[in-house]
């Protein structure tokens, strides 16, 4: 491998590491129920906060609240996946690298 290719590879590795750090430290929010339930997670899918508006709580209908929480989580997860794919795509130029998102 020539020195220029090695330099390009090192640069790409550095950019990938930087992108992975940005993904892990990103904060993504998902919501459902018209914003009554919000789930905040990091870019690496760790839930950091759940906010439930008191209007979403009906002791007679806990199942609906559970469904709204699941929907908010799934919304946040989808947004986190899209963020990670977009960020990594900006580094790899759309290359499909095994083991990456």
PDB file of N, CA and C in Angstrom:
ATOM      1  N   UNK A   1       0.856  -1.170   0.000  1.00  0.00           N
ATOM      2  CA  UNK A   1       0.000   0.000   0.000  1.00  0.00           C
ATOM      3  C   UNK A   1       0.907   1.241   0.000  1.00  0.00           C
ATOM      4  N   UNK A   2       0.579   2.171  -0.868  1.00  0.00           N
ATOM      5  CA  UNK A   2       1.426   3.361  -0.958  1.00  0.00           C
ATOM      6  C   UNK A   2       1.144   4.324   0.200  1.00  0.00           C
ATOM      7  N   UNK A   3       2.079   5.229   0.469  1.00  0.00           N
ATOM      8  CA  UNK A   3       1.933   6.148   1.613  1.00  0.00           C
ATOM      9  C   UNK A   3       0.677   7.013   1.536  1.00  0.00           C
ATOM     10  N   UNK A   4       0.281   7.410   0.344  1.00  0.00           N
ATOM     11  CA  UNK A   4      -0.918   8.240   0.206  1.00  0.00           C
ATOM     12  C   UNK A   4      -2.171   7.465   0.630  1.00  0.00           C
ATOM     13  N   UNK A   5      -2.248   6.201   0.230  1.00  0.00           N
ATOM     14  CA  UNK A   5      -3.385   5.374   0.632  1.00  0.00           C
ATOM     15  C   UNK A   5      -3.386   5.146   2.139  1.00  0.00           C
ATOM     16  N   UNK A   6      -2.209   4.965   2.714  1.00  0.00           N
ATOM     17  CA  UNK A   6      -2.114   4.782   4.161  1.00  0.00           C
ATOM     18  C   UNK A   6      -2.603   6.026   4.890  1.00  0.00           C
ATOM     19  N   UNK A   7      -2.223   7.195   4.402  1.00  0.00           N
ATOM     20  CA  UNK A   7      -2.677   8.446   5.010  1.00  0.00           C
ATOM     21  C   UNK A   7      -4.193   8.587   4.903  1.00  0.00           C
ATOM     22  N   UNK A   8      -4.748   8.225   3.761  1.00  0.00           N
ATOM     23  CA  UNK A   8      -6.201   8.297   3.588  1.00  0.00           C
ATOM     24  C   UNK A   8      -6.907   7.334   4.529  1.00  0.00           C
ATOM     25  N   UNK A   9      -6.340   6.140   4.680  1.00  0.00           N
ATOM     26  CA  UNK A   9      -6.931   5.154   5.578  1.00  0.00           C
ATOM     27  C   UNK A   9      -6.889   5.640   7.024  1.00  0.00           C
ATOM     28  N   UNK A  10      -5.750   6.210   7.445  1.00  0.00           N
ATOM     29  CA  UNK A  10      -5.648   6.758   8.804  1.00  0.00           C
ATOM     30  C   UNK A  10      -6.656   7.873   9.025  1.00  0.00           C
ATOM     31  N   UNK A  11      -6.798   8.738   8.020  1.00  0.00           N
ATOM     32  CA  UNK A  11      -7.752   9.846   8.131  1.00  0.00           C
ATOM     33  C   UNK A  11      -9.172   9.309   8.274  1.00  0.00           C
ATOM     34  N   UNK A  12      -9.513   8.290   7.481  1.00  0.00           N
ATOM     35  CA  UNK A  12     -10.849   7.708   7.563  1.00  0.00           C
ATOM     36  C   UNK A  12     -11.073   7.057   8.923  1.00  0.00           C
ATOM     37  N   UNK A  13     -10.067   6.369   9.452  1.00  0.00           N
ATOM     38  CA  UNK A  13     -10.191   5.758  10.773  1.00  0.00           C
ATOM     39  C   UNK A  13     -10.417   6.818  11.842  1.00  0.00           C
ATOM     40  N   UNK A  14      -9.686   7.916  11.740  1.00  0.00           N
ATOM     41  CA  UNK A  14      -9.856   9.020  12.692  1.00  0.00           C
ATOM     42  C   UNK A  14     -11.263   9.595  12.596  1.00  0.00           C
ATOM     43  N   UNK A  15     -11.733   9.815  11.381  1.00  0.00           N
ATOM     44  CA  UNK A  15     -13.077  10.360  11.183  1.00  0.00           C
ATOM     45  C   UNK A  15     -14.146   9.395  11.681  1.00  0.00           C
ATOM     46  N   UNK A  16     -13.945   8.096  11.499  1.00  0.00           N
ATOM     47  CA  UNK A  16     -14.908   7.107  11.989  1.00  0.00           C
ATOM     48  C   UNK A  16     -14.950   7.109  13.510  1.00  0.00           C
ATOM     49  N   UNK A  17     -13.793   7.193  14.150  1.00  0.00           N
ATOM     50  CA  UNK A  17     -13.752   7.235  15.613  1.00  0.00           C
ATOM     51  C   UNK A  17     -14.462   8.489  16.117  1.00  0.00           C
ATOM     52  N   UNK A  18     -14.228   9.605  15.439  1.00  0.00           N
ATOM     53  CA  UNK A  18     -14.885  10.858  15.820  1.00  0.00           C
ATOM     54  C   UNK A  18     -16.399  10.740  15.642  1.00  0.00           C
ATOM     55  N   UNK A  19     -16.837  10.152  14.533  1.00  0.00           N
ATOM     56  CA  UNK A  19     -18.268   9.976  14.282  1.00  0.00           C
ATOM     57  C   UNK A  19     -18.893   9.078  15.342  1.00  0.00           C
ATOM     58  N   UNK A  20     -18.201   7.996  15.715  1.00  0.00           N
ATOM     59  CA  UNK A  20     -18.730   7.095  16.739  1.00  0.00           C
ATOM     60  C   UNK A  20     -18.869   7.807  18.081  1.00  0.00           C
ATOM     61  N   UNK A  21     -17.914   8.663  18.424  1.00  0.00           N
ATOM     62  CA  UNK A  21     -18.016   9.440  19.658  1.00  0.00           C
ATOM     63  C   UNK A  21     -19.223  10.370  19.608  1.00  0.00           C
ATOM     64  N   UNK A  22     -19.416  11.031  18.458  1.00  0.00           N
ATOM     65  CA  UNK A  22     -20.558  11.935  18.302  1.00  0.00           C
ATOM     66  C   UNK A  22     -21.872  11.178  18.416  1.00  0.00           C
ATOM     67  N   UNK A  23     -21.914   9.987  17.837  1.00  0.00           N
ATOM     68  CA  UNK A  23     -23.135   9.175  17.909  1.00  0.00           C
ATOM     69  C   UNK A  23     -23.432   8.807  19.360  1.00  0.00           C
ATOM     70  N   UNK A  24     -22.415   8.348  20.085  1.00  0.00           N
ATOM     71  CA  UNK A  24     -22.619   7.936  21.474  1.00  0.00           C
ATOM     72  C   UNK A  24     -23.048   9.093  22.364  1.00  0.00           C
ATOM     73  N   UNK A  25     -22.560  10.295  22.079  1.00  0.00           N
ATOM     74  CA  UNK A  25     -22.884  11.431  22.939  1.00  0.00           C
ATOM     75  C   UNK A  25     -24.117  12.203  22.466  1.00  0.00           C
ATOM     76  N   UNK A  26     -24.689  11.804  21.336  1.00  0.00           N
ATOM     77  CA  UNK A  26     -25.876  12.493  20.821  1.00  0.00           C
ATOM     78  C   UNK A  26     -27.069  12.249  21.744  1.00  0.00           C
ATOM     79  N   UNK A  27     -27.968  13.202  21.766  1.00  0.00           N
ATOM     80  CA  UNK A  27     -29.210  13.071  22.517  1.00  0.00           C
ATOM     81  C   UNK A  27     -30.357  13.103  21.521  1.00  0.00           C
ATOM     82  N   UNK A  28     -31.148  12.033  21.517  1.00  0.00           N
ATOM     83  CA  UNK A  28     -32.266  11.911  20.589  1.00  0.00           C
ATOM     84  C   UNK A  28     -33.539  11.760  21.396  1.00  0.00           C
ATOM     85  N   UNK A  29     -34.587  12.466  20.968  1.00  0.00           N
ATOM     86  CA  UNK A  29     -35.862  12.388  21.671  1.00  0.00           C
ATOM     87  C   UNK A  29     -36.929  11.832  20.754  1.00  0.00           C
ATOM     88  N   UNK A  30     -37.673  10.881  21.271  1.00  0.00           N
ATOM     89  CA  UNK A  30     -38.834  10.343  20.582  1.00  0.00           C
ATOM     90  C   UNK A  30     -40.063  10.711  21.376  1.00  0.00           C
ATOM     91  N   UNK A  31     -41.193  10.807  20.691  1.00  0.00           N
ATOM     92  CA  UNK A  31     -42.428  11.186  21.382  1.00  0.00           C
ATOM     93  C   UNK A  31     -43.601  10.428  20.783  1.00  0.00           C
ATOM     94  N   UNK A  32     -44.658  10.333  21.559  1.00  0.00           N
ATOM     95  CA  UNK A  32     -45.910   9.747  21.080  1.00  0.00           C
ATOM     96  C   UNK A  32     -47.050  10.317  21.906  1.00  0.00           C
ATOM     97  N   UNK A  33     -48.260   9.944  21.515  1.00  0.00           N
ATOM     98  CA  UNK A  33     -49.428  10.447  22.234  1.00  0.00           C
ATOM     99  C   UNK A  33     -49.536  11.956  22.144  1.00  0.00           C
ATOM    100  N   UNK A  34     -49.165  12.497  20.988  1.00  0.00           N
ATOM    101  CA  UNK A  34     -49.229  13.949  20.831  1.00  0.00           C
ATOM    102  C   UNK A  34     -48.241  14.669  21.733  1.00  0.00           C
ATOM    103  N   UNK A  35     -47.144  14.011  22.077  1.00  0.00           N
ATOM    104  CA  UNK A  35     -46.126  14.624  22.926  1.00  0.00           C
ATOM    105  C   UNK A  35     -46.349  14.391  24.411  1.00  0.00           C
ATOM    106  N   UNK A  36     -47.352  13.593  24.760  1.00  0.00           N
ATOM    107  CA  UNK A  36     -47.617  13.329  26.175  1.00  0.00           C
ATOM    108  C   UNK A  36     -46.542  12.429  26.795  1.00  0.00           C
ATOM    109  N   UNK A  37     -45.915  11.607  25.972  1.00  0.00           N
ATOM    110  CA  UNK A  37     -44.840  10.748  26.451  1.00  0.00           C
ATOM    111  C   UNK A  37     -43.615  10.998  25.583  1.00  0.00           C
ATOM    112  N   UNK A  38     -42.476  11.245  26.231  1.00  0.00           N
ATOM    113  CA  UNK A  38     -41.229  11.489  25.525  1.00  0.00           C
ATOM    114  C   UNK A  38     -40.149  10.577  26.095  1.00  0.00           C
ATOM    115  N   UNK A  39     -39.365  10.004  25.192  1.00  0.00           N
ATOM    116  CA  UNK A  39     -38.240   9.161  25.583  1.00  0.00           C
ATOM    117  C   UNK A  39     -36.983   9.797  25.015  1.00  0.00           C
ATOM    118  N   UNK A  40     -36.005  10.016  25.869  1.00  0.00           N
ATOM    119  CA  UNK A  40     -34.721  10.560  25.442  1.00  0.00           C
ATOM    120  C   UNK A  40     -33.693   9.451  25.564  1.00  0.00           C
ATOM    121  N   UNK A  41     -32.889   9.303  24.507  1.00  0.00           N
ATOM    122  CA  UNK A  41     -31.846   8.284  24.542  1.00  0.00           C
ATOM    123  C   UNK A  41     -30.589   8.824  23.891  1.00  0.00           C
ATOM    124  N   UNK A  42     -29.499   8.147  24.179  1.00  0.00           N
ATOM    125  CA  UNK A  42     -28.230   8.493  23.547  1.00  0.00           C
ATOM    126  C   UNK A  42     -28.201   7.854  22.160  1.00  0.00           C
ATOM    127  N   UNK A  43     -27.252   8.276  21.363  1.00  0.00           N
ATOM    128  CA  UNK A  43     -27.131   7.745  20.023  1.00  0.00           C
ATOM    129  C   UNK A  43     -26.792   6.271  19.987  1.00  0.00           C
ATOM    130  N   UNK A  44     -26.307   5.731  21.108  1.00  0.00           N
ATOM    131  CA  UNK A  44     -26.031   4.303  21.170  1.00  0.00           C
ATOM    132  C   UNK A  44     -27.140   3.559  21.919  1.00  0.00           C
ATOM    133  N   UNK A  45     -28.338   4.151  21.890  1.00  0.00           N
ATOM    134  CA  UNK A  45     -29.587   3.520  22.329  1.00  0.00           C
ATOM    135  C   UNK A  45     -29.743   3.320  23.829  1.00  0.00           C
ATOM    136  N   UNK A  46     -29.049   4.109  24.644  1.00  0.00           N
ATOM    137  CA  UNK A  46     -29.261   4.040  26.088  1.00  0.00           C
ATOM    138  C   UNK A  46     -30.332   5.062  26.459  1.00  0.00           C
ATOM    139  N   UNK A  47     -31.407   4.594  27.069  1.00  0.00           N
ATOM    140  CA  UNK A  47     -32.474   5.499  27.495  1.00  0.00           C
ATOM    141  C   UNK A  47     -31.954   6.318  28.667  1.00  0.00           C
ATOM    142  N   UNK A  48     -32.062   7.638  28.552  1.00  0.00           N
ATOM    143  CA  UNK A  48     -31.567   8.514  29.601  1.00  0.00           C
ATOM    144  C   UNK A  48     -32.691   9.233  30.338  1.00  0.00           C
ATOM    145  N   UNK A  49     -33.885   9.265  29.725  1.00  0.00           N
ATOM    146  CA  UNK A  49     -34.992   9.962  30.385  1.00  0.00           C
ATOM    147  C   UNK A  49     -36.313   9.530  29.764  1.00  0.00           C
ATOM    148  N   UNK A  50     -37.323   9.439  30.600  1.00  0.00           N
ATOM    149  CA  UNK A  50     -38.688   9.241  30.148  1.00  0.00           C
ATOM    150  C   UNK A  50     -39.530  10.312  30.825  1.00  0.00           C
ATOM    151  N   UNK A  51     -40.259  11.079  30.027  1.00  0.00           N
ATOM    152  CA  UNK A  51     -41.129  12.137  30.566  1.00  0.00           C
ATOM    153  C   UNK A  51     -42.567  11.789  30.219  1.00  0.00           C
ATOM    154  N   UNK A  52     -43.413  11.737  31.224  1.00  0.00           N
ATOM    155  CA  UNK A  52     -44.819  11.401  31.031  1.00  0.00           C
ATOM    156  C   UNK A  52     -45.665  12.547  31.567  1.00  0.00           C
ATOM    157  N   UNK A  53     -46.420  13.148  30.686  1.00  0.00           N
ATOM    158  CA  UNK A  53     -47.343  14.214  31.079  1.00  0.00           C
ATOM    159  C   UNK A  53     -48.444  13.581  31.936  1.00  0.00           C
ATOM    160  N   UNK A  54     -48.813  14.200  33.059  1.00  0.00           N
ATOM    161  CA  UNK A  54     -49.864  13.636  33.912  1.00  0.00           C
ATOM    162  C   UNK A  54     -51.175  13.361  33.166  1.00  0.00           C
ATOM    163  N   UNK A  55     -51.439  14.094  32.088  1.00  0.00           N
ATOM    164  CA  UNK A  55     -52.668  13.858  31.316  1.00  0.00           C
ATOM    165  C   UNK A  55     -52.669  12.479  30.661  1.00  0.00           C
ATOM    166  N   UNK A  56     -51.486  11.876  30.505  1.00  0.00           N
ATOM    167  CA  UNK A  56     -51.389  10.561  29.876  1.00  0.00           C
ATOM    168  C   UNK A  56     -51.698   9.430  30.854  1.00  0.00           C
ATOM    169  N   UNK A  57     -51.803   9.762  32.128  1.00  0.00           N
ATOM    170  CA  UNK A  57     -51.995   8.734  33.154  1.00  0.00           C
ATOM    171  C   UNK A  57     -53.475   8.598  33.491  1.00  0.00           C
ATOM    172  N   UNK A  58     -54.007   7.423  33.161  1.00  0.00           N
ATOM    173  CA  UNK A  58     -55.388   7.086  33.497  1.00  0.00           C
ATOM    174  C   UNK A  58     -55.336   5.747  34.227  1.00  0.00           C
ATOM    175  N   UNK A  59     -55.553   5.753  35.546  1.00  0.00           N
ATOM    176  CA  UNK A  59     -55.463   4.502  36.313  1.00  0.00           C
ATOM    177  C   UNK A  59     -56.380   3.401  35.784  1.00  0.00           C
ATOM    178  N   UNK A  60     -57.421   3.784  35.071  1.00  0.00           N
ATOM    179  CA  UNK A  60     -58.356   2.796  34.522  1.00  0.00           C
ATOM    180  C   UNK A  60     -57.869   2.227  33.192  1.00  0.00           C
ATOM    181  N   UNK A  61     -56.813   2.832  32.618  1.00  0.00           N
ATOM    182  CA  UNK A  61     -56.350   2.407  31.298  1.00  0.00           C
ATOM    183  C   UNK A  61     -54.818   2.426  31.224  1.00  0.00           C
ATOM    184  N   UNK A  62     -54.202   1.575  31.991  1.00  0.00           N
ATOM    185  CA  UNK A  62     -52.744   1.492  32.036  1.00  0.00           C
ATOM    186  C   UNK A  62     -52.190   0.971  30.709  1.00  0.00           C
ATOM    187  N   UNK A  63     -52.935   0.106  30.030  1.00  0.00           N
ATOM    188  CA  UNK A  63     -52.459  -0.477  28.771  1.00  0.00           C
ATOM    189  C   UNK A  63     -52.177   0.591  27.713  1.00  0.00           C
ATOM    190  N   UNK A  64     -53.015   1.593  27.638  1.00  0.00           N
ATOM    191  CA  UNK A  64     -52.781   2.661  26.656  1.00  0.00           C
ATOM    192  C   UNK A  64     -51.499   3.406  26.985  1.00  0.00           C
ATOM    193  N   UNK A  65     -51.253   3.685  28.254  1.00  0.00           N
ATOM    194  CA  UNK A  65     -50.012   4.347  28.651  1.00  0.00           C
ATOM    195  C   UNK A  65     -48.812   3.484  28.279  1.00  0.00           C
ATOM    196  N   UNK A  66     -48.900   2.197  28.521  1.00  0.00           N
ATOM    197  CA  UNK A  66     -47.803   1.296  28.152  1.00  0.00           C
ATOM    198  C   UNK A  66     -47.540   1.345  26.641  1.00  0.00           C
ATOM    199  N   UNK A  67     -48.614   1.338  25.858  1.00  0.00           N
ATOM    200  CA  UNK A  67     -48.476   1.399  24.398  1.00  0.00           C
ATOM    201  C   UNK A  67     -47.838   2.714  23.946  1.00  0.00           C
ATOM    202  N   UNK A  68     -48.211   3.806  24.591  1.00  0.00           N
ATOM    203  CA  UNK A  68     -47.664   5.115  24.235  1.00  0.00           C
ATOM    204  C   UNK A  68     -46.174   5.182  24.594  1.00  0.00           C
ATOM    205  N   UNK A  69     -45.791   4.594  25.709  1.00  0.00           N
ATOM    206  CA  UNK A  69     -44.370   4.554  26.094  1.00  0.00           C
ATOM    207  C   UNK A  69     -43.581   3.740  25.069  1.00  0.00           C
ATOM    208  N   UNK A  70     -44.101   2.596  24.673  1.00  0.00           N
ATOM    209  CA  UNK A  70     -43.428   1.770  23.670  1.00  0.00           C
ATOM    210  C   UNK A  70     -43.285   2.538  22.355  1.00  0.00           C
ATOM    211  N   UNK A  71     -44.332   3.228  21.946  1.00  0.00           N
ATOM    212  CA  UNK A  71     -44.283   3.998  20.702  1.00  0.00           C
ATOM    213  C   UNK A  71     -43.241   5.114  20.784  1.00  0.00           C
ATOM    214  N   UNK A  72     -43.147   5.787  21.916  1.00  0.00           N
ATOM    215  CA  UNK A  72     -42.150   6.856  22.094  1.00  0.00           C
ATOM    216  C   UNK A  72     -40.741   6.282  22.057  1.00  0.00           C
ATOM    217  N   UNK A  73     -40.553   5.135  22.697  1.00  0.00           N
ATOM    218  CA  UNK A  73     -39.241   4.481  22.662  1.00  0.00           C
ATOM    219  C   UNK A  73     -38.870   4.112  21.228  1.00  0.00           C
ATOM    220  N   UNK A  74     -39.804   3.504  20.513  1.00  0.00           N
ATOM    221  CA  UNK A  74     -39.524   3.100  19.134  1.00  0.00           C
ATOM    222  C   UNK A  74     -39.249   4.305  18.241  1.00  0.00           C
ATOM    223  N   UNK A  75     -39.927   5.410  18.490  1.00  0.00           N
ATOM    224  CA  UNK A  75     -39.674   6.638  17.739  1.00  0.00           C
ATOM    225  C   UNK A  75     -38.254   7.132  17.992  1.00  0.00           C
ATOM    226  N   UNK A  76     -37.847   7.133  19.246  1.00  0.00           N
ATOM    227  CA  UNK A  76     -36.484   7.567  19.597  1.00  0.00           C
ATOM    228  C   UNK A  76     -35.454   6.621  18.982  1.00  0.00           C
ATOM    229  N   UNK A  77     -35.700   5.333  19.043  1.00  0.00           N
ATOM    230  CA  UNK A  77     -34.765   4.341  18.491  1.00  0.00           C
ATOM    231  C   UNK A  77     -34.608   4.531  16.979  1.00  0.00           C
ATOM    232  N   UNK A  78     -35.706   4.730  16.284  1.00  0.00           N
ATOM    233  CA  UNK A  78     -35.650   4.953  14.836  1.00  0.00           C
ATOM    234  C   UNK A  78     -34.842   6.201  14.517  1.00  0.00           C
ATOM    235  N   UNK A  79     -35.086   7.268  15.265  1.00  0.00           N
ATOM    236  CA  UNK A  79     -34.341   8.515  15.035  1.00  0.00           C
ATOM    237  C   UNK A  79     -32.852   8.332  15.336  1.00  0.00           C
ATOM    238  N   UNK A  80     -32.528   7.564  16.377  1.00  0.00           N
ATOM    239  CA  UNK A  80     -31.123   7.313  16.719  1.00  0.00           C
ATOM    240  C   UNK A  80     -30.447   6.496  15.622  1.00  0.00           C
ATOM    241  N   UNK A  81     -31.147   5.491  15.097  1.00  0.00           N
ATOM    242  CA  UNK A  81     -30.588   4.681  14.011  1.00  0.00           C
ATOM    243  C   UNK A  81     -30.347   5.532  12.768  1.00  0.00           C
ATOM    244  N   UNK A  82     -31.306   6.398  12.446  1.00  0.00           N
ATOM    245  CA  UNK A  82     -31.164   7.268  11.278  1.00  0.00           C
ATOM    246  C   UNK A  82     -30.001   8.242  11.461  1.00  0.00           C
ATOM    247  N   UNK A  83     -29.876   8.791  12.674  1.00  0.00           N
ATOM    248  CA  UNK A  83     -28.776   9.714  12.964  1.00  0.00           C
ATOM    249  C   UNK A  83     -27.434   9.012  12.791  1.00  0.00           C
ATOM    250  N   UNK A  84     -27.323   7.797  13.362  1.00  0.00           N
ATOM    251  CA  UNK A  84     -26.066   7.053  13.285  1.00  0.00           C
ATOM    252  C   UNK A  84     -25.733   6.701  11.840  1.00  0.00           C
ATOM    253  N   UNK A  85     -26.713   6.261  11.091  1.00  0.00           N
ATOM    254  CA  UNK A  85     -26.463   5.888   9.695  1.00  0.00           C
ATOM    255  C   UNK A  85     -26.042   7.102   8.874  1.00  0.00           C
ATOM    256  N   UNK A  86     -26.696   8.220   9.109  1.00  0.00           N
ATOM    257  CA  UNK A  86     -26.353   9.444   8.372  1.00  0.00           C
ATOM    258  C   UNK A  86     -24.945   9.915   8.742  1.00  0.00           C
ATOM    259  N   UNK A  87     -24.624   9.881  10.027  1.00  0.00           N
ATOM    260  CA  UNK A  87     -23.306  10.348  10.474  1.00  0.00           C
ATOM    261  C   UNK A  87     -22.194   9.444   9.949  1.00  0.00           C
ATOM    262  N   UNK A  88     -22.392   8.142  10.035  1.00  0.00           N
ATOM    263  CA  UNK A  88     -21.375   7.217   9.541  1.00  0.00           C
ATOM    264  C   UNK A  88     -21.295   7.283   8.012  1.00  0.00           C
ATOM    265  N   UNK A  89     -22.415   7.488   7.348  1.00  0.00           N
ATOM    266  CA  UNK A  89     -22.422   7.606   5.896  1.00  0.00           C
ATOM    267  C   UNK A  89     -21.620   8.799   5.425  1.00  0.00           C
ATOM    268  N   UNK A  90     -21.607   9.861   6.229  1.00  0.00           N
ATOM    269  CA  UNK A  90     -20.835  11.041   5.850  1.00  0.00           C
ATOM    270  C   UNK A  90     -19.334  10.752   5.911  1.00  0.00           C
ATOM    271  N   UNK A  91     -18.942   9.776   6.715  1.00  0.00           N
ATOM    272  CA  UNK A  91     -17.527   9.416   6.836  1.00  0.00           C
ATOM    273  C   UNK A  91     -17.140   8.411   5.754  1.00  0.00           C
ATOM    274  N   UNK A  92     -17.990   7.406   5.561  1.00  0.00           N
ATOM    275  CA  UNK A  92     -17.645   6.314   4.652  1.00  0.00           C
ATOM    276  C   UNK A  92     -18.051   6.591   3.215  1.00  0.00           C
ATOM    277  N   UNK A  93     -18.773   7.675   2.997  1.00  0.00           N
ATOM    278  CA  UNK A  93     -19.213   7.978   1.638  1.00  0.00           C
ATOM    279  C   UNK A  93     -20.192   6.948   1.113  1.00  0.00           C
ATOM    280  N   UNK A  94     -20.930   6.318   2.010  1.00  0.00           N
ATOM    281  CA  UNK A  94     -21.922   5.334   1.603  1.00  0.00           C
ATOM    282  C   UNK A  94     -21.378   3.922   1.450  1.00  0.00           C
ATOM    283  N   UNK A  95     -20.094   3.714   1.718  1.00  0.00           N
ATOM    284  CA  UNK A  95     -19.538   2.361   1.644  1.00  0.00           C
ATOM    285  C   UNK A  95     -20.172   1.487   2.706  1.00  0.00           C
ATOM    286  N   UNK A  96     -20.443   0.264   2.369  1.00  0.00           N
ATOM    287  CA  UNK A  96     -20.974  -0.702   3.338  1.00  0.00           C
ATOM    288  C   UNK A  96     -19.784  -1.419   3.961  1.00  0.00           C
ATOM    289  N   UNK A  97     -19.512  -1.115   5.220  1.00  0.00           N
ATOM    290  CA  UNK A  97     -18.375  -1.707   5.922  1.00  0.00           C
ATOM    291  C   UNK A  97     -18.917  -2.739   6.912  1.00  0.00           C
ATOM    292  N   UNK A  98     -18.503  -3.993   6.785  1.00  0.00           N
ATOM    293  CA  UNK A  98     -18.991  -5.028   7.709  1.00  0.00           C
ATOM    294  C   UNK A  98     -18.751  -4.617   9.157  1.00  0.00           C
ATOM    295  N   UNK A  99     -19.775  -4.855   9.991  1.00  0.00           N
ATOM    296  CA  UNK A  99     -19.649  -4.545  11.411  1.00  0.00           C
ATOM    297  C   UNK A  99     -20.050  -3.130  11.759  1.00  0.00           C
ATOM    298  N   UNK A 100     -20.291  -2.288  10.764  1.00  0.00           N
ATOM    299  CA  UNK A 100     -20.716  -0.911  11.013  1.00  0.00           C
ATOM    300  C   UNK A 100     -22.216  -0.844  10.772  1.00  0.00           C
ATOM    301  N   UNK A 101     -22.846   0.234  11.252  1.00  0.00           N
ATOM    302  CA  UNK A 101     -24.283   0.390  11.125  1.00  0.00           C
ATOM    303  C   UNK A 101     -24.721   0.433   9.690  1.00  0.00           C
TER     304      UNK A 101
END
